[in-house]
């Protein structure tokens, strides 16, 4: 199974954009579902977006229309393009890989802070 490393987090103004990357140590071609989750201060971890090996995507209602998840199998990387960021998007964002046989792998997280 792969190791995942998130990057791209940082401080951004409300309404701004940020692109997160999740780099895998190995091929993600065989990973059924990859996703982004986030955990805001004082909150539980929640689903942000997922993408299947077939390219199907799902988004949390709170980010739908603003965030886009994508997968580049050749680069073994999944991305989360975040636009129109809001203060409530502030959280540690985690990459997740879910194999079809039930194994899940998590990255260490990258902090996104949306503030003026």
C-alpha atoms as a PDB file:
ATOM      1  CA  UNK A   1       0.000   0.000   0.000  1.00  0.00           C
ATOM      2  CA  UNK A   2       1.066   3.548  -0.647  1.00  0.00           C
ATOM      3  CA  UNK A   3       2.239   6.303   1.631  1.00  0.00           C
ATOM      4  CA  UNK A   4       0.504   9.658   1.162  1.00  0.00           C
ATOM      5  CA  UNK A   5       1.935  13.129   1.622  1.00  0.00           C
ATOM      6  CA  UNK A   6      -0.236  16.233   1.416  1.00  0.00           C
ATOM      7  CA  UNK A   7       1.077  19.638   0.461  1.00  0.00           C
ATOM      8  CA  UNK A   8      -0.172  23.023  -0.650  1.00  0.00           C
ATOM      9  CA  UNK A   9      -1.806  24.235   2.514  1.00  0.00           C
ATOM     10  CA  UNK A  10      -1.296  27.689   3.891  1.00  0.00           C
ATOM     11  CA  UNK A  11      -2.932  30.993   4.666  1.00  0.00           C
ATOM     12  CA  UNK A  12      -5.332  32.418   2.123  1.00  0.00           C
ATOM     13  CA  UNK A  13      -7.788  35.308   2.048  1.00  0.00           C
ATOM     14  CA  UNK A  14     -11.529  34.654   1.947  1.00  0.00           C
ATOM     15  CA  UNK A  15     -12.568  34.316  -1.662  1.00  0.00           C
ATOM     16  CA  UNK A  16      -9.127  33.149  -2.627  1.00  0.00           C
ATOM     17  CA  UNK A  17      -7.967  29.869  -4.077  1.00  0.00           C
ATOM     18  CA  UNK A  18      -5.610  27.125  -3.067  1.00  0.00           C
ATOM     19  CA  UNK A  19      -4.592  23.840  -4.634  1.00  0.00           C
ATOM     20  CA  UNK A  20      -3.749  20.892  -2.451  1.00  0.00           C
ATOM     21  CA  UNK A  21      -1.710  17.948  -3.661  1.00  0.00           C
ATOM     22  CA  UNK A  22      -1.562  14.420  -2.344  1.00  0.00           C
ATOM     23  CA  UNK A  23       1.501  12.597  -3.564  1.00  0.00           C
ATOM     24  CA  UNK A  24       1.579   8.831  -3.287  1.00  0.00           C
ATOM     25  CA  UNK A  25       4.756   6.842  -2.873  1.00  0.00           C
ATOM     26  CA  UNK A  26       3.514   4.335  -5.395  1.00  0.00           C
ATOM     27  CA  UNK A  27       0.931   3.872  -8.076  1.00  0.00           C
ATOM     28  CA  UNK A  28      -2.591   5.048  -7.361  1.00  0.00           C
ATOM     29  CA  UNK A  29      -3.934   3.365 -10.455  1.00  0.00           C
ATOM     30  CA  UNK A  30      -5.182   0.428  -8.399  1.00  0.00           C
ATOM     31  CA  UNK A  31      -6.738   2.535  -5.645  1.00  0.00           C
ATOM     32  CA  UNK A  32     -10.493   2.370  -5.911  1.00  0.00           C
ATOM     33  CA  UNK A  33     -11.310   5.648  -4.202  1.00  0.00           C
ATOM     34  CA  UNK A  34      -9.169   8.581  -3.193  1.00  0.00           C
ATOM     35  CA  UNK A  35     -10.506  11.432  -1.204  1.00  0.00           C
ATOM     36  CA  UNK A  36      -9.953  14.536   0.793  1.00  0.00           C
ATOM     37  CA  UNK A  37     -11.179  14.956   4.333  1.00  0.00           C
ATOM     38  CA  UNK A  38     -10.808  17.841   6.702  1.00  0.00           C
ATOM     39  CA  UNK A  39     -10.883  18.469  10.399  1.00  0.00           C
ATOM     40  CA  UNK A  40     -11.607  21.949  11.656  1.00  0.00           C
ATOM     41  CA  UNK A  41     -10.602  23.072  15.137  1.00  0.00           C
ATOM     42  CA  UNK A  42     -12.937  21.500  17.653  1.00  0.00           C
ATOM     43  CA  UNK A  43     -14.720  19.488  14.982  1.00  0.00           C
ATOM     44  CA  UNK A  44     -14.680  15.896  13.816  1.00  0.00           C
ATOM     45  CA  UNK A  45     -13.075  14.863  10.579  1.00  0.00           C
ATOM     46  CA  UNK A  46     -15.462  15.173   7.660  1.00  0.00           C
ATOM     47  CA  UNK A  47     -15.556  14.165   4.038  1.00  0.00           C
ATOM     48  CA  UNK A  48     -14.753  16.879   1.521  1.00  0.00           C
ATOM     49  CA  UNK A  49     -14.541  15.075  -1.805  1.00  0.00           C
ATOM     50  CA  UNK A  50     -13.842  11.685  -3.322  1.00  0.00           C
ATOM     51  CA  UNK A  51     -12.830  10.409  -6.722  1.00  0.00           C
ATOM     52  CA  UNK A  52     -12.955   6.832  -7.954  1.00  0.00           C
ATOM     53  CA  UNK A  53     -10.542   5.042 -10.233  1.00  0.00           C
ATOM     54  CA  UNK A  54     -13.124   5.606 -12.950  1.00  0.00           C
ATOM     55  CA  UNK A  55     -13.168   9.343 -12.398  1.00  0.00           C
ATOM     56  CA  UNK A  56     -16.499   9.657 -10.626  1.00  0.00           C
ATOM     57  CA  UNK A  57     -16.551  12.421  -8.039  1.00  0.00           C
ATOM     58  CA  UNK A  58     -18.564  13.260  -4.967  1.00  0.00           C
ATOM     59  CA  UNK A  59     -18.502  16.406  -2.884  1.00  0.00           C
ATOM     60  CA  UNK A  60     -19.767  17.547   0.431  1.00  0.00           C
ATOM     61  CA  UNK A  61     -22.625  19.992   0.030  1.00  0.00           C
ATOM     62  CA  UNK A  62     -20.589  22.659   1.749  1.00  0.00           C
ATOM     63  CA  UNK A  63     -17.916  22.633  -0.962  1.00  0.00           C
ATOM     64  CA  UNK A  64     -19.870  21.636  -4.039  1.00  0.00           C
ATOM     65  CA  UNK A  65     -19.364  24.146  -6.814  1.00  0.00           C
ATOM     66  CA  UNK A  66     -16.267  25.564  -5.162  1.00  0.00           C
ATOM     67  CA  UNK A  67     -13.896  22.616  -4.858  1.00  0.00           C
ATOM     68  CA  UNK A  68     -12.717  20.214  -7.530  1.00  0.00           C
ATOM     69  CA  UNK A  69     -11.011  16.902  -6.905  1.00  0.00           C
ATOM     70  CA  UNK A  70      -8.916  15.336  -9.625  1.00  0.00           C
ATOM     71  CA  UNK A  71      -6.564  12.422 -10.044  1.00  0.00           C
ATOM     72  CA  UNK A  72      -3.444  12.104 -12.151  1.00  0.00           C
ATOM     73  CA  UNK A  73      -2.520   8.453 -12.185  1.00  0.00           C
ATOM     74  CA  UNK A  74       0.631   9.059 -14.218  1.00  0.00           C
ATOM     75  CA  UNK A  75       1.918  11.362 -11.488  1.00  0.00           C
ATOM     76  CA  UNK A  76       0.515   9.248  -8.655  1.00  0.00           C
ATOM     77  CA  UNK A  77      -1.133  12.360  -7.316  1.00  0.00           C
ATOM     78  CA  UNK A  78      -4.591  13.531  -6.368  1.00  0.00           C
ATOM     79  CA  UNK A  79      -5.453  17.206  -6.192  1.00  0.00           C
ATOM     80  CA  UNK A  80      -8.022  19.385  -4.521  1.00  0.00           C
ATOM     81  CA  UNK A  81      -8.579  22.723  -6.198  1.00  0.00           C
ATOM     82  CA  UNK A  82     -10.271  25.022  -3.725  1.00  0.00           C
ATOM     83  CA  UNK A  83     -11.882  28.217  -4.969  1.00  0.00           C
ATOM     84  CA  UNK A  84     -14.007  30.864  -3.287  1.00  0.00           C
ATOM     85  CA  UNK A  85     -12.590  29.869   0.047  1.00  0.00           C
ATOM     86  CA  UNK A  86     -14.480  30.753   3.191  1.00  0.00           C
ATOM     87  CA  UNK A  87     -13.306  31.051   6.784  1.00  0.00           C
ATOM     88  CA  UNK A  88     -15.271  27.917   7.603  1.00  0.00           C
ATOM     89  CA  UNK A  89     -13.023  26.007   5.209  1.00  0.00           C
ATOM     90  CA  UNK A  90     -10.213  26.422   7.710  1.00  0.00           C
ATOM     91  CA  UNK A  91      -9.088  22.953   8.701  1.00  0.00           C
ATOM     92  CA  UNK A  92      -6.387  20.369   8.439  1.00  0.00           C
ATOM     93  CA  UNK A  93      -6.963  18.601   5.155  1.00  0.00           C
ATOM     94  CA  UNK A  94      -6.159  14.911   4.886  1.00  0.00           C
ATOM     95  CA  UNK A  95      -5.715  12.726   1.854  1.00  0.00           C
ATOM     96  CA  UNK A  96      -7.193   9.252   1.944  1.00  0.00           C
ATOM     97  CA  UNK A  97      -6.762   6.196  -0.221  1.00  0.00           C
ATOM     98  CA  UNK A  98      -9.313   3.419  -0.028  1.00  0.00           C
ATOM     99  CA  UNK A  99      -8.540   0.111  -1.640  1.00  0.00           C
ATOM    100  CA  UNK A 100     -11.295  -2.099  -2.938  1.00  0.00           C
ATOM    101  CA  UNK A 101     -10.449  -4.763  -0.371  1.00  0.00           C
ATOM    102  CA  UNK A 102     -11.102  -2.417   2.521  1.00  0.00           C
ATOM    103  CA  UNK A 103      -7.672  -1.070   3.417  1.00  0.00           C
ATOM    104  CA  UNK A 104      -7.389   2.673   3.955  1.00  0.00           C
ATOM    105  CA  UNK A 105      -4.297   4.859   4.038  1.00  0.00           C
ATOM    106  CA  UNK A 106      -4.137   8.397   5.390  1.00  0.00           C
ATOM    107  CA  UNK A 107      -1.700  11.214   4.859  1.00  0.00           C
ATOM    108  CA  UNK A 108      -0.370  13.395   7.656  1.00  0.00           C
ATOM    109  CA  UNK A 109      -2.511  16.391   6.752  1.00  0.00           C
ATOM    110  CA  UNK A 110      -1.882  19.925   5.575  1.00  0.00           C
ATOM    111  CA  UNK A 111      -3.285  23.009   7.264  1.00  0.00           C
ATOM    112  CA  UNK A 112      -5.474  25.425   5.355  1.00  0.00           C
ATOM    113  CA  UNK A 113      -6.289  28.703   7.057  1.00  0.00           C
ATOM    114  CA  UNK A 114      -8.778  31.073   5.454  1.00  0.00           C
ATOM    115  CA  UNK A 115      -8.627  34.427   7.142  1.00  0.00           C
ATOM    116  CA  UNK A 116      -8.370  38.133   6.485  1.00  0.00           C
END
